[in-house]
Amino acid sequence: MYPISKYVPCPQCGCPHVNEVTFTWWGGLLGPKLLSHVKCTHCHNEYNGKSGKSNQTGILIYVAISALLVLGILAIGFLGQLG
């Protein structure tokens, strides 16, 4: 028997049993936590556990900001080498 979840049921199949996603390729350890990313134990759909909606937009924003931060750090390092 599964414990009662603090997350909304799966929007795809309606199953109330979900697991927190702890690591992803796009967000490492932090991204899934920030977006309340969960995975349905029945159909394996992944979504925002608090809203029941897709995290696709949040993932795109997270990846874009992470990429910009990395590029900014690299640019600062490169400019430091020139001076």
PDB file of N, CA and C in Angstrom:
ATOM      1  N   MET A   1       0.839  -1.179   0.000  1.00  0.00           N
ATOM      2  CA  MET A   1       0.000   0.000   0.000  1.00  0.00           C
ATOM      3  C   MET A   1       0.887   1.247   0.000  1.00  0.00           C
ATOM      4  N   TYR A   2       0.575   2.179  -0.868  1.00  0.00           N
ATOM      5  CA  TYR A   2       1.331   3.433  -0.972  1.00  0.00           C
ATOM      6  C   TYR A   2       0.831   4.439   0.058  1.00  0.00           C
ATOM      7  N   PRO A   3       1.725   5.275   0.580  1.00  0.00           N
ATOM      8  CA  PRO A   3       1.264   6.350   1.478  1.00  0.00           C
ATOM      9  C   PRO A   3       0.533   7.415   0.661  1.00  0.00           C
ATOM     10  N   ILE A   4      -0.281   8.217   1.334  1.00  0.00           N
ATOM     11  CA  ILE A   4      -1.000   9.294   0.655  1.00  0.00           C
ATOM     12  C   ILE A   4       0.014  10.319   0.172  1.00  0.00           C
ATOM     13  N   SER A   5      -0.114  10.708  -1.097  1.00  0.00           N
ATOM     14  CA  SER A   5       0.854  11.608  -1.709  1.00  0.00           C
ATOM     15  C   SER A   5       0.507  13.067  -1.441  1.00  0.00           C
ATOM     16  N   LYS A   6       1.545  13.908  -1.345  1.00  0.00           N
ATOM     17  CA  LYS A   6       1.337  15.347  -1.202  1.00  0.00           C
ATOM     18  C   LYS A   6       1.233  16.008  -2.565  1.00  0.00           C
ATOM     19  N   TYR A   7       1.257  15.207  -3.628  1.00  0.00           N
ATOM     20  CA  TYR A   7       1.196  15.713  -4.994  1.00  0.00           C
ATOM     21  C   TYR A   7      -0.135  15.370  -5.651  1.00  0.00           C
ATOM     22  N   VAL A   8      -0.473  16.128  -6.692  1.00  0.00           N
ATOM     23  CA  VAL A   8      -1.721  15.874  -7.407  1.00  0.00           C
ATOM     24  C   VAL A   8      -1.599  14.575  -8.200  1.00  0.00           C
ATOM     25  N   PRO A   9      -2.718  13.888  -8.436  1.00  0.00           N
ATOM     26  CA  PRO A   9      -2.677  12.659  -9.230  1.00  0.00           C
ATOM     27  C   PRO A   9      -2.188  12.929 -10.655  1.00  0.00           C
ATOM     28  N   CYS A  10      -1.722  11.897 -11.292  1.00  0.00           N
ATOM     29  CA  CYS A  10      -1.210  12.000 -12.655  1.00  0.00           C
ATOM     30  C   CYS A  10      -2.294  12.535 -13.591  1.00  0.00           C
ATOM     31  N   PRO A  11      -2.002  13.580 -14.358  1.00  0.00           N
ATOM     32  CA  PRO A  11      -2.994  14.131 -15.275  1.00  0.00           C
ATOM     33  C   PRO A  11      -3.245  13.227 -16.488  1.00  0.00           C
ATOM     34  N   GLN A  12      -2.340  12.292 -16.730  1.00  0.00           N
ATOM     35  CA  GLN A  12      -2.487  11.411 -17.891  1.00  0.00           C
ATOM     36  C   GLN A  12      -3.364  10.200 -17.589  1.00  0.00           C
ATOM     37  N   CYS A  13      -3.129   9.555 -16.434  1.00  0.00           N
ATOM     38  CA  CYS A  13      -3.887   8.330 -16.133  1.00  0.00           C
ATOM     39  C   CYS A  13      -4.727   8.420 -14.858  1.00  0.00           C
ATOM     40  N   GLY A  14      -4.512   9.489 -14.061  1.00  0.00           N
ATOM     41  CA  GLY A  14      -5.290   9.674 -12.842  1.00  0.00           C
ATOM     42  C   GLY A  14      -4.769   8.928 -11.625  1.00  0.00           C
ATOM     43  N   CYS A  15      -3.677   8.214 -11.770  1.00  0.00           N
ATOM     44  CA  CYS A  15      -3.106   7.456 -10.653  1.00  0.00           C
ATOM     45  C   CYS A  15      -2.584   8.423  -9.581  1.00  0.00           C
ATOM     46  N   PRO A  16      -2.922   8.196  -8.319  1.00  0.00           N
ATOM     47  CA  PRO A  16      -2.455   9.096  -7.260  1.00  0.00           C
ATOM     48  C   PRO A  16      -1.046   8.773  -6.754  1.00  0.00           C
ATOM     49  N   HIS A  17      -0.449   7.702  -7.242  1.00  0.00           N
ATOM     50  CA  HIS A  17       0.850   7.258  -6.746  1.00  0.00           C
ATOM     51  C   HIS A  17       1.976   7.778  -7.636  1.00  0.00           C
ATOM     52  N   VAL A  18       2.763   8.690  -7.083  1.00  0.00           N
ATOM     53  CA  VAL A  18       3.869   9.292  -7.827  1.00  0.00           C
ATOM     54  C   VAL A  18       5.133   9.271  -6.975  1.00  0.00           C
ATOM     55  N   ASN A  19       6.266   9.338  -7.635  1.00  0.00           N
ATOM     56  CA  ASN A  19       7.557   9.427  -6.961  1.00  0.00           C
ATOM     57  C   ASN A  19       8.220  10.744  -7.320  1.00  0.00           C
ATOM     58  N   GLU A  20       8.888  11.347  -6.347  1.00  0.00           N
ATOM     59  CA  GLU A  20       9.661  12.549  -6.628  1.00  0.00           C
ATOM     60  C   GLU A  20      10.837  12.167  -7.515  1.00  0.00           C
ATOM     61  N   VAL A  21      11.095  12.976  -8.533  1.00  0.00           N
ATOM     62  CA  VAL A  21      12.264  12.771  -9.382  1.00  0.00           C
ATOM     63  C   VAL A  21      13.423  13.486  -8.692  1.00  0.00           C
ATOM     64  N   THR A  22      14.498  12.769  -8.436  1.00  0.00           N
ATOM     65  CA  THR A  22      15.606  13.360  -7.691  1.00  0.00           C
ATOM     66  C   THR A  22      16.759  13.830  -8.573  1.00  0.00           C
ATOM     67  N   PHE A  23      16.837  13.315  -9.821  1.00  0.00           N
ATOM     68  CA  PHE A  23      17.928  13.700 -10.714  1.00  0.00           C
ATOM     69  C   PHE A  23      17.455  13.609 -12.160  1.00  0.00           C
ATOM     70  N   THR A  24      17.816  14.596 -12.974  1.00  0.00           N
ATOM     71  CA  THR A  24      17.506  14.573 -14.402  1.00  0.00           C
ATOM     72  C   THR A  24      18.714  15.055 -15.189  1.00  0.00           C
ATOM     73  N   TRP A  25      18.750  14.750 -16.479  1.00  0.00           N
ATOM     74  CA  TRP A  25      19.843  15.219 -17.347  1.00  0.00           C
ATOM     75  C   TRP A  25      19.799  16.729 -17.494  1.00  0.00           C
ATOM     76  N   TRP A  26      18.611  17.327 -17.459  1.00  0.00           N
ATOM     77  CA  TRP A  26      18.470  18.765 -17.693  1.00  0.00           C
ATOM     78  C   TRP A  26      18.653  19.601 -16.436  1.00  0.00           C
ATOM     79  N   GLY A  27      18.434  19.029 -15.277  1.00  0.00           N
ATOM     80  CA  GLY A  27      18.473  19.845 -14.067  1.00  0.00           C
ATOM     81  C   GLY A  27      19.339  19.317 -12.958  1.00  0.00           C
ATOM     82  N   GLY A  28      20.007  18.188 -13.207  1.00  0.00           N
ATOM     83  CA  GLY A  28      20.839  17.617 -12.153  1.00  0.00           C
ATOM     84  C   GLY A  28      20.033  17.307 -10.910  1.00  0.00           C
ATOM     85  N   LEU A  29      20.542  17.730  -9.768  1.00  0.00           N
ATOM     86  CA  LEU A  29      19.852  17.519  -8.493  1.00  0.00           C
ATOM     87  C   LEU A  29      18.909  18.664  -8.136  1.00  0.00           C
ATOM     88  N   LEU A  30      19.211  19.862  -8.621  1.00  0.00           N
ATOM     89  CA  LEU A  30      18.457  21.051  -8.220  1.00  0.00           C
ATOM     90  C   LEU A  30      17.180  21.275  -9.036  1.00  0.00           C
ATOM     91  N   GLY A  31      17.239  21.091 -10.344  1.00  0.00           N
ATOM     92  CA  GLY A  31      16.113  21.389 -11.227  1.00  0.00           C
ATOM     93  C   GLY A  31      14.808  20.698 -10.852  1.00  0.00           C
ATOM     94  N   PRO A  32      14.815  19.379 -10.656  1.00  0.00           N
ATOM     95  CA  PRO A  32      13.569  18.695 -10.305  1.00  0.00           C
ATOM     96  C   PRO A  32      12.967  19.187  -8.994  1.00  0.00           C
ATOM     97  N   LYS A  33      13.835  19.553  -8.055  1.00  0.00           N
ATOM     98  CA  LYS A  33      13.359  20.060  -6.759  1.00  0.00           C
ATOM     99  C   LYS A  33      12.671  21.416  -6.940  1.00  0.00           C
ATOM    100  N   LEU A  34      13.299  22.289  -7.743  1.00  0.00           N
ATOM    101  CA  LEU A  34      12.733  23.621  -7.977  1.00  0.00           C
ATOM    102  C   LEU A  34      11.379  23.551  -8.682  1.00  0.00           C
ATOM    103  N   LEU A  35      11.214  22.575  -9.564  1.00  0.00           N
ATOM    104  CA  LEU A  35       9.985  22.483 -10.364  1.00  0.00           C
ATOM    105  C   LEU A  35       8.975  21.471  -9.831  1.00  0.00           C
ATOM    106  N   SER A  36       9.220  20.908  -8.655  1.00  0.00           N
ATOM    107  CA  SER A  36       8.336  19.878  -8.076  1.00  0.00           C
ATOM    108  C   SER A  36       8.067  18.764  -9.093  1.00  0.00           C
ATOM    109  N   HIS A  37       9.123  18.298  -9.722  1.00  0.00           N
ATOM    110  CA  HIS A  37       9.028  17.305 -10.790  1.00  0.00           C
ATOM    111  C   HIS A  37       8.775  15.923 -10.201  1.00  0.00           C
ATOM    112  N   VAL A  38       7.695  15.267 -10.630  1.00  0.00           N
ATOM    113  CA  VAL A  38       7.347  13.928 -10.155  1.00  0.00           C
ATOM    114  C   VAL A  38       7.096  12.999 -11.336  1.00  0.00           C
ATOM    115  N   LYS A  39       7.102  11.692 -11.038  1.00  0.00           N
ATOM    116  CA  LYS A  39       6.870  10.675 -12.068  1.00  0.00           C
ATOM    117  C   LYS A  39       5.810   9.705 -11.583  1.00  0.00           C
ATOM    118  N   CYS A  40       4.811   9.462 -12.418  1.00  0.00           N
ATOM    119  CA  CYS A  40       3.726   8.531 -12.107  1.00  0.00           C
ATOM    120  C   CYS A  40       4.273   7.103 -12.061  1.00  0.00           C
ATOM    121  N   THR A  41       3.875   6.355 -11.038  1.00  0.00           N
ATOM    122  CA  THR A  41       4.346   4.972 -10.917  1.00  0.00           C
ATOM    123  C   THR A  41       3.613   4.037 -11.869  1.00  0.00           C
ATOM    124  N   HIS A  42       2.474   4.490 -12.405  1.00  0.00           N
ATOM    125  CA  HIS A  42       1.674   3.639 -13.292  1.00  0.00           C
ATOM    126  C   HIS A  42       2.051   3.815 -14.762  1.00  0.00           C
ATOM    127  N   CYS A  43       1.987   5.056 -15.256  1.00  0.00           N
ATOM    128  CA  CYS A  43       2.225   5.297 -16.691  1.00  0.00           C
ATOM    129  C   CYS A  43       3.570   5.968 -16.977  1.00  0.00           C
ATOM    130  N   HIS A  44       4.313   6.325 -15.929  1.00  0.00           N
ATOM    131  CA  HIS A  44       5.647   6.942 -16.026  1.00  0.00           C
ATOM    132  C   HIS A  44       5.638   8.350 -16.616  1.00  0.00           C
ATOM    133  N   ASN A  45       4.482   8.996 -16.626  1.00  0.00           N
ATOM    134  CA  ASN A  45       4.388  10.391 -17.056  1.00  0.00           C
ATOM    135  C   ASN A  45       5.089  11.261 -16.024  1.00  0.00           C
ATOM    136  N   GLU A  46       5.855  12.258 -16.504  1.00  0.00           N
ATOM    137  CA  GLU A  46       6.526  13.194 -15.602  1.00  0.00           C
ATOM    138  C   GLU A  46       5.884  14.560 -15.740  1.00  0.00           C
ATOM    139  N   TYR A  47       5.647  15.225 -14.595  1.00  0.00           N
ATOM    140  CA  TYR A  47       4.925  16.496 -14.582  1.00  0.00           C
ATOM    141  C   TYR A  47       5.181  17.248 -13.288  1.00  0.00           C
ATOM    142  N   ASN A  48       4.622  18.460 -13.184  1.00  0.00           N
ATOM    143  CA  ASN A  48       4.724  19.261 -11.972  1.00  0.00           C
ATOM    144  C   ASN A  48       3.748  18.693 -10.946  1.00  0.00           C
ATOM    145  N   GLY A  49       4.279  18.193  -9.838  1.00  0.00           N
ATOM    146  CA  GLY A  49       3.454  17.535  -8.835  1.00  0.00           C
ATOM    147  C   GLY A  49       2.526  18.449  -8.066  1.00  0.00           C
ATOM    148  N   LYS A  50       2.778  19.750  -8.092  1.00  0.00           N
ATOM    149  CA  LYS A  50       1.906  20.679  -7.378  1.00  0.00           C
ATOM    150  C   LYS A  50       0.758  21.176  -8.248  1.00  0.00           C
ATOM    151  N   SER A  51       1.024  21.375  -9.551  1.00  0.00           N
ATOM    152  CA  SER A  51      -0.018  21.911 -10.434  1.00  0.00           C
ATOM    153  C   SER A  51      -0.661  20.842 -11.313  1.00  0.00           C
ATOM    154  N   GLY A  52       0.042  19.735 -11.551  1.00  0.00           N
ATOM    155  CA  GLY A  52      -0.456  18.704 -12.455  1.00  0.00           C
ATOM    156  C   GLY A  52      -0.186  19.028 -13.917  1.00  0.00           C
ATOM    157  N   LYS A  53       0.493  20.134 -14.170  1.00  0.00           N
ATOM    158  CA  LYS A  53       0.772  20.552 -15.548  1.00  0.00           C
ATOM    159  C   LYS A  53       2.173  20.112 -15.960  1.00  0.00           C
ATOM    160  N   SER A  54       2.425  20.220 -17.240  1.00  0.00           N
ATOM    161  CA  SER A  54       3.738  19.887 -17.781  1.00  0.00           C
ATOM    162  C   SER A  54       4.795  20.850 -17.254  1.00  0.00           C
ATOM    163  N   ASN A  55       5.987  20.343 -17.069  1.00  0.00           N
ATOM    164  CA  ASN A  55       7.114  21.176 -16.665  1.00  0.00           C
ATOM    165  C   ASN A  55       7.953  21.617 -17.860  1.00  0.00           C
ATOM    166  N   GLN A  56       7.474  21.380 -19.069  1.00  0.00           N
ATOM    167  CA  GLN A  56       8.263  21.648 -20.268  1.00  0.00           C
ATOM    168  C   GLN A  56       8.747  23.093 -20.346  1.00  0.00           C
ATOM    169  N   THR A  57       7.872  24.056 -20.100  1.00  0.00           N
ATOM    170  CA  THR A  57       8.270  25.462 -20.146  1.00  0.00           C
ATOM    171  C   THR A  57       9.291  25.772 -19.058  1.00  0.00           C
ATOM    172  N   GLY A  58       9.061  25.283 -17.862  1.00  0.00           N
ATOM    173  CA  GLY A  58      10.002  25.486 -16.764  1.00  0.00           C
ATOM    174  C   GLY A  58      11.357  24.871 -17.057  1.00  0.00           C
ATOM    175  N   ILE A  59      11.361  23.700 -17.680  1.00  0.00           N
ATOM    176  CA  ILE A  59      12.610  23.037 -18.036  1.00  0.00           C
ATOM    177  C   ILE A  59      13.374  23.864 -19.068  1.00  0.00           C
ATOM    178  N   LEU A  60      12.668  24.362 -20.080  1.00  0.00           N
ATOM    179  CA  LEU A  60      13.321  25.181 -21.106  1.00  0.00           C
ATOM    180  C   LEU A  60      13.939  26.446 -20.495  1.00  0.00           C
ATOM    181  N   ILE A  61      13.211  27.092 -19.603  1.00  0.00           N
ATOM    182  CA  ILE A  61      13.728  28.296 -18.944  1.00  0.00           C
ATOM    183  C   ILE A  61      14.936  27.943 -18.081  1.00  0.00           C
ATOM    184  N   TYR A  62      14.852  26.857 -17.345  1.00  0.00           N
ATOM    185  CA  TYR A  62      15.951  26.422 -16.475  1.00  0.00           C
ATOM    186  C   TYR A  62      17.214  26.141 -17.295  1.00  0.00           C
ATOM    187  N   VAL A  63      17.063  25.415 -18.398  1.00  0.00           N
ATOM    188  CA  VAL A  63      18.206  25.080 -19.250  1.00  0.00           C
ATOM    189  C   VAL A  63      18.788  26.347 -19.884  1.00  0.00           C
ATOM    190  N   ALA A  64      17.918  27.252 -20.355  1.00  0.00           N
ATOM    191  CA  ALA A  64      18.392  28.493 -20.991  1.00  0.00           C
ATOM    192  C   ALA A  64      19.182  29.348 -20.000  1.00  0.00           C
ATOM    193  N   ILE A  65      18.658  29.517 -18.790  1.00  0.00           N
ATOM    194  CA  ILE A  65      19.350  30.322 -17.784  1.00  0.00           C
ATOM    195  C   ILE A  65      20.672  29.667 -17.394  1.00  0.00           C
ATOM    196  N   SER A  66      20.671  28.350 -17.239  1.00  0.00           N
ATOM    197  CA  SER A  66      21.911  27.644 -16.902  1.00  0.00           C
ATOM    198  C   SER A  66      22.955  27.827 -17.998  1.00  0.00           C
ATOM    199  N   ALA A  67      22.532  27.721 -19.255  1.00  0.00           N
ATOM    200  CA  ALA A  67      23.457  27.890 -20.382  1.00  0.00           C
ATOM    201  C   ALA A  67      24.011  29.312 -20.419  1.00  0.00           C
ATOM    202  N   LEU A  68      23.151  30.300 -20.187  1.00  0.00           N
ATOM    203  CA  LEU A  68      23.614  31.688 -20.175  1.00  0.00           C
ATOM    204  C   LEU A  68      24.613  31.945 -19.054  1.00  0.00           C
ATOM    205  N   LEU A  69      24.367  31.355 -17.901  1.00  0.00           N
ATOM    206  CA  LEU A  69      25.306  31.504 -16.786  1.00  0.00           C
ATOM    207  C   LEU A  69      26.670  30.893 -17.122  1.00  0.00           C
ATOM    208  N   VAL A  70      26.648  29.716 -17.708  1.00  0.00           N
ATOM    209  CA  VAL A  70      27.905  29.063 -18.088  1.00  0.00           C
ATOM    210  C   VAL A  70      28.635  29.888 -19.144  1.00  0.00           C
ATOM    211  N   LEU A  71      27.907  30.349 -20.151  1.00  0.00           N
ATOM    212  CA  LEU A  71      28.527  31.169 -21.189  1.00  0.00           C
ATOM    213  C   LEU A  71      29.085  32.469 -20.612  1.00  0.00           C
ATOM    214  N   GLY A  72      28.374  33.076 -19.685  1.00  0.00           N
ATOM    215  CA  GLY A  72      28.845  34.295 -19.033  1.00  0.00           C
ATOM    216  C   GLY A  72      30.129  34.056 -18.257  1.00  0.00           C
ATOM    217  N   ILE A  73      30.187  32.970 -17.532  1.00  0.00           N
ATOM    218  CA  ILE A  73      31.391  32.630 -16.768  1.00  0.00           C
ATOM    219  C   ILE A  73      32.559  32.370 -17.710  1.00  0.00           C
ATOM    220  N   LEU A  74      32.303  31.643 -18.799  1.00  0.00           N
ATOM    221  CA  LEU A  74      33.360  31.388 -19.780  1.00  0.00           C
ATOM    222  C   LEU A  74      33.839  32.686 -20.433  1.00  0.00           C
ATOM    223  N   ALA A  75      32.916  33.580 -20.751  1.00  0.00           N
ATOM    224  CA  ALA A  75      33.280  34.857 -21.369  1.00  0.00           C
ATOM    225  C   ALA A  75      34.129  35.702 -20.426  1.00  0.00           C
ATOM    226  N   ILE A  76      33.760  35.735 -19.162  1.00  0.00           N
ATOM    227  CA  ILE A  76      34.551  36.486 -18.177  1.00  0.00           C
ATOM    228  C   ILE A  76      35.949  35.892 -18.062  1.00  0.00           C
ATOM    229  N   GLY A  77      36.034  34.564 -18.047  1.00  0.00           N
ATOM    230  CA  GLY A  77      37.346  33.916 -17.992  1.00  0.00           C
ATOM    231  C   GLY A  77      38.173  34.195 -19.221  1.00  0.00           C
ATOM    232  N   PHE A  78      37.538  34.193 -20.389  1.00  0.00           N
ATOM    233  CA  PHE A  78      38.248  34.465 -21.642  1.00  0.00           C
ATOM    234  C   PHE A  78      38.731  35.909 -21.693  1.00  0.00           C
ATOM    235  N   LEU A  79      37.861  36.837 -21.286  1.00  0.00           N
ATOM    236  CA  LEU A  79      38.244  38.235 -21.280  1.00  0.00           C
ATOM    237  C   LEU A  79      39.366  38.497 -20.262  1.00  0.00           C
ATOM    238  N   GLY A  80      39.358  37.774 -19.178  1.00  0.00           N
ATOM    239  CA  GLY A  80      40.417  37.910 -18.173  1.00  0.00           C
ATOM    240  C   GLY A  80      41.776  37.467 -18.730  1.00  0.00           C
ATOM    241  N   GLN A  81      41.756  36.486 -19.627  1.00  0.00           N
ATOM    242  CA  GLN A  81      42.992  36.006 -20.242  1.00  0.00           C
ATOM    243  C   GLN A  81      43.564  37.016 -21.230  1.00  0.00           C
ATOM    244  N   LEU A  82      42.683  37.844 -21.836  1.00  0.00           N
ATOM    245  CA  LEU A  82      43.136  38.820 -22.816  1.00  0.00           C
ATOM    246  C   LEU A  82      43.843  40.002 -22.153  1.00  0.00           C
ATOM    247  N   GLY A  83      43.399  40.336 -20.952  1.00  0.00           N
ATOM    248  CA  GLY A  83      43.924  41.548 -20.288  1.00  0.00           C
ATOM    249  C   GLY A  83      45.074  41.258 -19.473  1.00  0.00           C
TER     250      GLY A  83
END
